[in-house]
N, C-alpha and C. Protein backbone atom coordinates (compact mmCIF):
# COMPACT_ATOMS: atom_id res chain seq x y z
N MET A 1 0.90 -1.34 0.11
CA MET A 1 0.02 0.39 -0.71
C MET A 1 0.94 1.09 -0.01
N GLN A 2 1.70 1.65 0.62
CA GLN A 2 2.74 2.35 0.46
C GLN A 2 3.96 2.45 -0.25
N LEU A 3 3.58 1.21 -1.20
CA LEU A 3 4.72 1.94 -2.18
C LEU A 3 3.69 2.35 -4.06
N ARG A 4 2.18 2.15 -3.28
CA ARG A 4 1.25 2.70 -4.39
C ARG A 4 1.22 3.96 -4.13
N ARG A 5 1.34 3.90 -2.63
CA ARG A 5 1.07 5.97 -2.49
C ARG A 5 1.65 6.48 -2.72
N THR A 6 2.97 6.33 -3.00
CA THR A 6 4.62 6.51 -3.13
C THR A 6 4.76 6.70 -5.03
N GLY A 7 4.39 5.99 -5.37
CA GLY A 7 4.08 5.85 -7.00
C GLY A 7 3.40 7.06 -8.02
N ALA A 8 2.05 6.93 -6.94
CA ALA A 8 1.30 8.25 -6.69
C ALA A 8 1.18 9.08 -6.73
N LEU A 9 2.16 9.68 -5.71
CA LEU A 9 3.07 10.97 -5.35
C LEU A 9 4.18 11.10 -6.37
N ILE A 10 4.76 10.39 -6.79
CA ILE A 10 5.49 10.64 -7.96
C ILE A 10 5.46 11.03 -9.23
N GLY A 11 4.20 10.42 -9.50
CA GLY A 11 2.97 10.52 -10.29
C GLY A 11 2.45 11.80 -10.64
N ILE A 12 2.47 12.21 -9.85
CA ILE A 12 1.67 13.70 -9.24
C ILE A 12 2.44 14.82 -9.41
N ALA A 13 3.72 14.42 -8.81
CA ALA A 13 5.04 15.90 -8.57
C ALA A 13 5.60 15.51 -10.44
N ALA A 14 5.63 14.61 -10.75
CA ALA A 14 6.28 14.47 -12.00
C ALA A 14 5.30 15.17 -12.92
N MET A 15 3.74 15.35 -12.93
CA MET A 15 3.26 16.13 -13.67
C MET A 15 3.11 17.36 -12.99
N LEU A 16 3.16 18.00 -12.29
CA LEU A 16 3.22 18.96 -11.60
C LEU A 16 4.19 19.69 -12.49
N GLY A 17 5.90 18.83 -11.93
CA GLY A 17 6.53 19.50 -12.77
C GLY A 17 6.42 19.92 -14.29
N LEU A 18 5.90 18.92 -15.18
CA LEU A 18 6.11 19.50 -16.67
C LEU A 18 5.11 20.34 -16.85
N SER A 19 3.79 20.05 -15.52
CA SER A 19 3.08 21.43 -16.18
C SER A 19 3.75 23.23 -16.00
N VAL A 20 4.36 22.73 -14.79
CA VAL A 20 5.10 24.12 -14.70
C VAL A 20 6.59 24.31 -15.83
N GLN A 21 6.52 23.37 -16.44
CA GLN A 21 7.75 23.75 -18.09
C GLN A 21 7.07 24.42 -18.74
N VAL A 22 5.25 23.40 -19.07
CA VAL A 22 4.55 24.04 -20.51
C VAL A 22 4.23 25.62 -19.53
N ALA A 23 3.67 25.30 -18.47
CA ALA A 23 3.41 27.02 -18.47
C ALA A 23 4.54 28.25 -18.31
N ALA A 24 5.71 28.14 -18.46
CA ALA A 24 7.15 28.98 -18.34
C ALA A 24 6.83 30.19 -19.43
N GLU A 25 7.13 31.29 -18.95
CA GLU A 25 6.55 32.56 -19.73
C GLU A 25 8.11 31.79 -20.53
N THR A 26 8.11 32.36 -22.37
CA THR A 26 8.57 32.44 -23.13
C THR A 26 10.13 33.71 -23.18
N LEU A 27 11.46 33.95 -22.78
CA LEU A 27 11.93 34.79 -23.00
C LEU A 27 12.07 35.64 -23.56
N ALA A 28 11.93 36.91 -23.33
CA ALA A 28 12.12 37.95 -24.39
C ALA A 28 12.76 37.75 -25.82
N GLU A 29 14.33 37.12 -25.45
CA GLU A 29 15.35 36.90 -26.98
C GLU A 29 14.68 35.76 -27.25
N ASP A 30 13.67 34.69 -26.48
CA ASP A 30 12.84 33.69 -27.66
C ASP A 30 12.44 34.02 -28.47
N ALA A 31 11.33 34.72 -27.93
CA ALA A 31 9.83 35.75 -28.78
C ALA A 31 10.46 36.08 -29.15
N LYS A 32 11.52 37.10 -29.96
CA LYS A 32 12.53 38.05 -30.98
C LYS A 32 12.55 36.79 -31.41
N LYS A 33 13.41 35.97 -31.26
CA LYS A 33 13.85 34.73 -32.37
C LYS A 33 12.83 33.87 -32.61
N TYR A 34 11.86 34.13 -32.26
CA TYR A 34 10.95 33.46 -32.99
C TYR A 34 10.41 34.22 -34.07
N ARG A 35 10.01 35.87 -33.94
CA ARG A 35 9.09 36.52 -34.38
C ARG A 35 10.05 36.63 -35.41
N VAL A 36 11.28 36.95 -35.49
CA VAL A 36 12.18 36.94 -36.62
C VAL A 36 12.09 35.88 -37.50
N SER A 37 12.20 34.70 -36.82
CA SER A 37 11.77 33.59 -38.15
C SER A 37 10.29 33.62 -38.52
N ILE A 38 9.05 33.70 -37.55
CA ILE A 38 8.28 33.83 -38.51
C ILE A 38 8.43 34.92 -39.89
N MET A 39 8.71 36.22 -39.54
CA MET A 39 8.86 37.31 -40.34
C MET A 39 9.63 37.18 -42.00
N THR A 40 11.16 36.10 -41.49
CA THR A 40 12.04 35.32 -42.44
C THR A 40 10.88 35.16 -43.36
N THR A 41 10.40 33.34 -42.33
CA THR A 41 9.62 33.22 -43.39
C THR A 41 8.50 33.58 -44.34
N LEU A 42 7.67 34.76 -43.37
CA LEU A 42 6.94 35.43 -44.53
C LEU A 42 7.00 36.89 -45.84
N LYS A 43 8.35 36.52 -45.28
CA LYS A 43 9.23 37.68 -46.40
C LYS A 43 9.89 36.63 -47.62
N GLY A 44 10.10 35.46 -47.11
CA GLY A 44 10.30 34.10 -48.15
C GLY A 44 9.24 33.88 -49.26
N HIS A 45 7.79 33.58 -48.90
CA HIS A 45 6.81 33.38 -49.43
C HIS A 45 6.74 34.65 -50.25
N ILE A 46 6.57 36.43 -50.01
CA ILE A 46 5.87 36.86 -50.19
C ILE A 46 7.04 37.33 -51.60
N GLY A 47 8.20 37.03 -51.02
CA GLY A 47 8.82 37.44 -52.49
C GLY A 47 8.66 36.14 -53.77
N ALA A 48 8.80 34.76 -53.23
CA ALA A 48 8.73 33.99 -54.20
C ALA A 48 7.04 33.65 -55.00
N ALA A 49 6.04 34.10 -53.88
CA ALA A 49 5.00 34.76 -55.06
C ALA A 49 4.71 35.75 -56.30
N SER A 50 5.56 36.94 -55.05
CA SER A 50 6.24 38.09 -56.27
C SER A 50 6.80 37.97 -57.48
N MET A 51 7.22 36.87 -57.73
CA MET A 51 7.99 35.81 -58.94
C MET A 51 7.16 34.89 -59.61
N THR A 52 6.33 34.45 -58.90
CA THR A 52 5.54 33.70 -59.66
C THR A 52 4.66 34.69 -60.08
N VAL A 53 3.87 35.66 -59.15
CA VAL A 53 2.73 36.38 -60.16
C VAL A 53 3.30 37.49 -60.92
N ARG A 54 4.01 38.19 -61.23
CA ARG A 54 4.63 38.64 -62.08
C ARG A 54 5.63 38.10 -63.36
N GLY A 55 5.42 36.35 -63.33
CA GLY A 55 5.63 35.49 -64.22
C GLY A 55 7.18 35.54 -64.62
N LEU A 56 7.92 35.90 -63.89
CA LEU A 56 9.69 35.09 -63.70
C LEU A 56 9.17 33.76 -63.49
N VAL A 57 9.07 33.57 -62.99
CA VAL A 57 8.94 32.31 -62.92
C VAL A 57 7.36 31.17 -62.95
N ASP A 58 7.51 30.20 -63.65
CA ASP A 58 6.45 29.60 -64.07
C ASP A 58 5.57 28.82 -62.79
N ASP A 59 4.64 29.31 -62.82
CA ASP A 59 3.58 28.20 -61.80
C ASP A 59 3.05 26.54 -61.67
N ASN A 60 4.30 25.94 -60.99
CA ASN A 60 3.50 24.92 -61.31
C ASN A 60 3.38 23.79 -59.72
N GLY A 61 2.31 24.88 -59.20
CA GLY A 61 1.07 24.42 -58.22
C GLY A 61 2.35 24.92 -57.27
N GLN A 62 3.40 26.29 -57.40
CA GLN A 62 3.70 26.32 -55.81
C GLN A 62 2.89 27.50 -55.32
N LEU A 63 2.45 28.51 -56.25
CA LEU A 63 1.90 29.58 -55.78
C LEU A 63 0.73 29.44 -54.84
N ALA A 64 0.21 27.84 -55.12
CA ALA A 64 -1.11 27.80 -53.78
C ALA A 64 -0.45 27.37 -52.21
N GLY A 65 0.80 27.03 -52.70
CA GLY A 65 1.91 26.66 -51.50
C GLY A 65 1.67 28.30 -50.95
N HIS A 66 2.40 28.97 -51.10
CA HIS A 66 3.39 30.19 -50.38
C HIS A 66 2.09 30.54 -50.14
N ALA A 67 0.93 30.85 -50.80
CA ALA A 67 -0.32 31.65 -50.25
C ALA A 67 -1.04 30.74 -49.15
N ALA A 68 -0.58 29.85 -49.25
CA ALA A 68 -0.93 28.96 -47.66
C ALA A 68 0.11 29.74 -46.71
N GLY A 69 0.89 29.40 -46.97
CA GLY A 69 2.16 29.74 -46.21
C GLY A 69 2.15 31.35 -45.32
N LEU A 70 1.55 31.84 -46.11
CA LEU A 70 0.96 33.26 -45.65
C LEU A 70 -0.02 33.86 -44.97
N VAL A 71 -0.81 32.80 -45.21
CA VAL A 71 -1.90 32.69 -43.94
C VAL A 71 -1.61 31.73 -42.95
N SER A 72 -1.05 30.70 -42.76
CA SER A 72 -0.39 30.23 -41.86
C SER A 72 0.62 31.06 -40.75
N GLY A 73 1.30 32.46 -41.76
CA GLY A 73 2.17 33.27 -41.62
C GLY A 73 1.40 33.94 -40.20
N THR A 74 0.37 34.81 -41.24
CA THR A 74 -0.11 36.15 -40.87
C THR A 74 -0.65 35.53 -39.85
N ALA A 75 -1.09 34.32 -39.50
CA ALA A 75 -2.36 33.46 -38.80
C ALA A 75 -1.15 33.28 -37.28
N GLU A 76 -0.40 33.46 -37.44
CA GLU A 76 1.05 33.55 -36.23
C GLU A 76 1.22 34.93 -35.60
N LEU A 77 0.91 35.92 -36.45
CA LEU A 77 1.28 36.87 -36.09
C LEU A 77 0.54 37.63 -34.57
N ASN A 78 -0.58 37.04 -34.16
CA ASN A 78 -1.00 37.41 -32.61
C ASN A 78 -0.18 37.01 -31.57
N ASN A 79 0.70 35.99 -31.87
CA ASN A 79 1.54 35.56 -30.73
C ASN A 79 2.01 35.88 -31.08
N ILE A 80 3.45 36.62 -31.84
CA ILE A 80 4.77 36.70 -31.96
C ILE A 80 5.58 38.13 -31.73
N PHE A 81 4.37 38.92 -30.70
CA PHE A 81 5.29 40.39 -30.47
C PHE A 81 4.80 40.27 -28.93
N GLN A 82 5.33 39.58 -28.34
CA GLN A 82 5.73 39.67 -26.45
C GLN A 82 5.81 40.62 -26.03
N GLU A 83 5.22 41.55 -24.89
CA GLU A 83 5.94 42.83 -24.68
C GLU A 83 6.48 42.45 -23.73
N GLY A 84 8.41 43.84 -24.37
CA GLY A 84 9.48 43.52 -23.46
C GLY A 84 10.39 42.78 -25.10
N SER A 85 9.91 42.00 -26.09
CA SER A 85 10.84 41.28 -26.90
C SER A 85 10.82 42.57 -27.74
N ALA A 86 11.19 43.27 -27.46
CA ALA A 86 12.00 44.43 -28.81
C ALA A 86 13.44 44.15 -28.23
N VAL A 87 14.31 42.89 -28.02
CA VAL A 87 15.67 43.31 -27.43
C VAL A 87 16.28 43.20 -28.88
N ASP A 88 17.69 43.81 -28.44
CA ASP A 88 19.08 43.60 -29.28
C ASP A 88 18.61 44.73 -29.86
N ASP A 89 18.84 44.13 -31.29
CA ASP A 89 18.69 44.96 -32.53
C ASP A 89 16.99 44.75 -33.08
N SER A 90 16.08 44.69 -32.76
CA SER A 90 15.14 44.30 -33.21
C SER A 90 14.60 45.41 -33.65
N GLU A 91 13.69 45.05 -34.28
CA GLU A 91 13.02 46.15 -35.63
C GLU A 91 11.21 47.40 -35.13
N ALA A 92 11.36 45.94 -34.09
CA ALA A 92 9.44 46.48 -33.61
C ALA A 92 9.87 47.38 -33.44
N LEU A 93 9.28 48.77 -32.96
CA LEU A 93 8.63 49.98 -32.28
C LEU A 93 8.31 49.56 -31.05
N PRO A 94 8.48 50.79 -30.26
CA PRO A 94 7.16 50.57 -28.78
C PRO A 94 5.80 50.68 -29.56
N SER A 95 5.38 51.54 -30.66
CA SER A 95 4.36 51.99 -30.64
C SER A 95 3.29 50.56 -31.16
N ILE A 96 4.10 49.48 -31.02
CA ILE A 96 3.47 48.07 -31.40
C ILE A 96 2.56 48.00 -29.72
N TRP A 97 3.62 48.09 -28.81
CA TRP A 97 2.43 47.89 -27.80
C TRP A 97 2.29 49.22 -26.74
N GLU A 98 2.43 50.44 -27.58
CA GLU A 98 1.96 51.78 -27.02
C GLU A 98 0.63 52.21 -27.75
N GLN A 99 0.00 51.08 -28.85
CA GLN A 99 -1.17 51.60 -29.32
C GLN A 99 -1.64 50.16 -30.17
N PRO A 100 -2.36 48.89 -28.82
CA PRO A 100 -2.03 47.55 -29.26
C PRO A 100 -3.68 47.31 -30.22
N GLU A 101 -4.51 48.36 -30.32
CA GLU A 101 -5.80 48.51 -30.55
C GLU A 101 -5.18 48.43 -32.41
N LYS A 102 -4.04 49.74 -32.37
CA LYS A 102 -4.27 50.24 -33.84
C LYS A 102 -3.18 49.27 -34.57
N PHE A 103 -2.43 48.17 -33.69
CA PHE A 103 -1.30 47.27 -34.38
C PHE A 103 -2.76 46.20 -34.51
N ALA A 104 -3.28 45.87 -33.76
CA ALA A 104 -3.69 44.77 -33.58
C ALA A 104 -5.27 45.05 -34.92
N ALA A 105 -5.85 46.32 -35.31
CA ALA A 105 -5.89 46.66 -36.68
C ALA A 105 -5.03 45.96 -37.87
N ALA A 106 -4.03 46.58 -38.07
CA ALA A 106 -3.66 46.36 -38.98
C ALA A 106 -3.25 45.01 -39.02
N MET A 107 -2.52 43.84 -37.98
CA MET A 107 -2.99 42.64 -38.24
C MET A 107 -3.53 41.89 -38.82
N LYS A 108 -5.18 42.49 -38.66
CA LYS A 108 -6.09 41.76 -38.88
C LYS A 108 -6.10 42.47 -40.26
N GLN A 109 -6.62 42.77 -40.93
CA GLN A 109 -5.93 43.53 -42.21
C GLN A 109 -4.62 42.73 -42.81
N ALA A 110 -4.18 42.85 -42.72
CA ALA A 110 -3.06 41.80 -43.31
C ALA A 110 -3.20 40.69 -43.09
N GLN A 111 -3.39 39.98 -41.85
CA GLN A 111 -4.64 38.21 -42.06
C GLN A 111 -5.68 38.11 -43.41
N GLU A 112 -6.34 39.48 -43.18
CA GLU A 112 -7.48 39.14 -44.01
C GLU A 112 -6.93 38.99 -45.89
N ALA A 113 -6.08 39.86 -45.93
CA ALA A 113 -5.67 40.24 -47.32
C ALA A 113 -5.26 38.72 -48.09
N THR A 114 -4.06 38.12 -46.81
CA THR A 114 -3.29 36.71 -47.17
C THR A 114 -4.84 36.14 -47.48
N VAL A 115 -5.85 36.05 -46.52
CA VAL A 115 -6.75 34.87 -47.39
C VAL A 115 -7.48 35.43 -48.69
N ALA A 116 -7.14 36.11 -48.33
CA ALA A 116 -8.34 36.92 -50.03
C ALA A 116 -6.84 36.75 -51.01
N PHE A 117 -6.05 37.00 -50.78
CA PHE A 117 -4.53 36.51 -52.19
C PHE A 117 -5.15 35.23 -52.44
N GLN A 118 -4.98 34.10 -51.26
CA GLN A 118 -5.15 32.68 -51.10
C GLN A 118 -6.99 31.99 -52.24
N GLU A 119 -7.32 33.14 -51.67
CA GLU A 119 -8.76 33.30 -52.21
C GLU A 119 -8.56 32.95 -53.63
N ALA A 120 -8.34 33.99 -54.34
CA ALA A 120 -7.85 34.28 -55.48
C ALA A 120 -6.81 33.27 -56.48
N VAL A 121 -5.78 33.20 -55.61
CA VAL A 121 -4.97 32.04 -56.30
C VAL A 121 -5.61 30.83 -56.66
N ALA A 122 -6.26 30.03 -55.24
CA ALA A 122 -7.79 29.42 -55.70
C ALA A 122 -8.56 29.46 -56.92
N GLY A 123 -8.45 30.80 -57.76
CA GLY A 123 -9.71 30.62 -58.18
C GLY A 123 -8.71 30.57 -59.72
N GLY A 124 -7.78 31.17 -59.39
CA GLY A 124 -6.73 31.01 -61.04
C GLY A 124 -6.76 32.55 -62.09
N ASP A 125 -7.89 33.04 -61.49
CA ASP A 125 -8.06 34.22 -62.43
C ASP A 125 -6.89 35.05 -62.25
N SER A 126 -5.65 35.54 -63.18
CA SER A 126 -4.57 36.45 -63.46
C SER A 126 -4.60 37.87 -62.57
N GLU A 127 -5.64 38.20 -63.37
CA GLU A 127 -5.44 39.57 -62.53
C GLU A 127 -6.46 39.48 -61.23
N ALA A 128 -7.13 38.59 -61.16
CA ALA A 128 -7.84 38.97 -59.30
C ALA A 128 -6.44 38.81 -58.96
N ILE A 129 -5.58 37.99 -58.91
CA ILE A 129 -4.60 37.43 -58.18
C ILE A 129 -3.37 38.80 -57.64
N GLY A 130 -3.45 39.14 -59.30
CA GLY A 130 -2.50 39.97 -59.06
C GLY A 130 -2.78 41.17 -58.18
N ALA A 131 -4.68 41.66 -58.05
CA ALA A 131 -4.69 42.83 -57.56
C ALA A 131 -5.14 42.66 -56.19
N ALA A 132 -5.28 41.21 -55.66
CA ALA A 132 -5.05 40.39 -54.43
C ALA A 132 -3.72 40.79 -53.77
N PHE A 133 -2.80 40.50 -54.43
CA PHE A 133 -1.23 40.42 -54.10
C PHE A 133 -1.05 41.84 -53.73
N ARG A 134 -1.43 42.95 -54.85
CA ARG A 134 -1.10 44.06 -54.47
C ARG A 134 -1.45 44.72 -53.25
N SER A 135 -2.85 44.31 -53.27
CA SER A 135 -3.63 45.00 -51.35
C SER A 135 -2.70 44.41 -50.48
N MET A 136 -2.41 42.70 -50.54
CA MET A 136 -1.42 41.73 -49.73
C MET A 136 -0.19 42.90 -49.37
N GLY A 137 0.45 43.22 -49.89
CA GLY A 137 1.70 44.38 -49.91
C GLY A 137 1.14 45.53 -49.19
N LYS A 138 0.31 46.10 -49.22
CA LYS A 138 -0.40 47.10 -48.79
C LYS A 138 -0.96 46.96 -47.46
N SER A 139 -1.48 45.39 -47.33
CA SER A 139 -2.01 45.84 -45.92
C SER A 139 -0.01 45.93 -45.28
N CYS A 140 0.50 44.91 -45.64
CA CYS A 140 1.83 44.63 -44.98
C CYS A 140 2.25 45.39 -45.17
N GLY A 141 2.33 46.89 -45.15
CA GLY A 141 3.26 48.43 -45.53
C GLY A 141 2.10 48.97 -44.58
N GLY A 142 1.05 48.66 -44.08
CA GLY A 142 0.17 49.42 -42.75
C GLY A 142 1.04 49.05 -41.66
N CYS A 143 1.52 47.68 -41.39
CA CYS A 143 1.70 47.26 -40.06
C CYS A 143 4.00 48.13 -40.32
N HIS A 144 4.54 47.58 -41.57
CA HIS A 144 5.73 47.88 -40.92
C HIS A 144 5.66 49.69 -41.49
N ASP A 145 4.92 50.09 -41.38
CA ASP A 145 5.25 51.90 -41.70
C ASP A 145 5.32 52.63 -40.23
N ASP A 146 4.20 51.62 -39.45
CA ASP A 146 4.26 52.43 -38.32
C ASP A 146 4.17 51.86 -37.66
N PHE A 147 4.80 50.75 -37.18
CA PHE A 147 5.34 49.64 -35.85
C PHE A 147 6.71 48.96 -36.59
N ARG A 148 7.59 49.67 -37.54
CA ARG A 148 8.97 48.59 -37.50
C ARG A 148 9.69 49.81 -38.03
N GLU A 149 11.03 50.02 -37.16
CA GLU A 149 12.13 49.89 -37.50
C GLU A 149 12.27 50.66 -39.15
N GLU A 150 12.76 51.66 -39.58
CA GLU A 150 12.81 52.20 -41.01
C GLU A 150 14.61 51.81 -41.02
N HIS A 151 14.17 50.87 -42.42
CA HIS A 151 15.99 50.03 -42.25
C HIS A 151 16.54 50.55 -44.24
N ASP A 152 17.48 50.44 -44.40
CA ASP A 152 17.66 50.99 -45.77
C ASP A 152 17.77 49.53 -46.93
N HIS A 153 17.77 48.05 -46.20
CA HIS A 153 17.47 47.12 -46.75
C HIS A 153 16.00 46.58 -47.62
């Protein structure tokens, strides 16, 4: 009986220890690295989609994949701007956290624009795809103009 009780207590302690690890707060440096990874992925999908939309490379089905990647990446925007994560050489401006409603609206617009682009790609009309791509680019600029540090590259 004592052995069974000890085993149960060890099991409970192990679960509690595991739940503490899962609930641990993300470090600011890690949050920034994650954000940079997501934004780099978005940049890659936008660049590749741009080349396809402009006819610089043939679309062998990859445009739909890039559109899906953009939808997935912009859906993650709500999770990658942890307060206090503007560390090191972060391009994130304090206005992100000072104007959360405005920032949330800009992120929502970008998310909606990527969904519209994905829908246009699925429809296959090249004019609609081009228009949706340009609209998506403008929506990205809505965040970058007000919430990202200007840079030369």
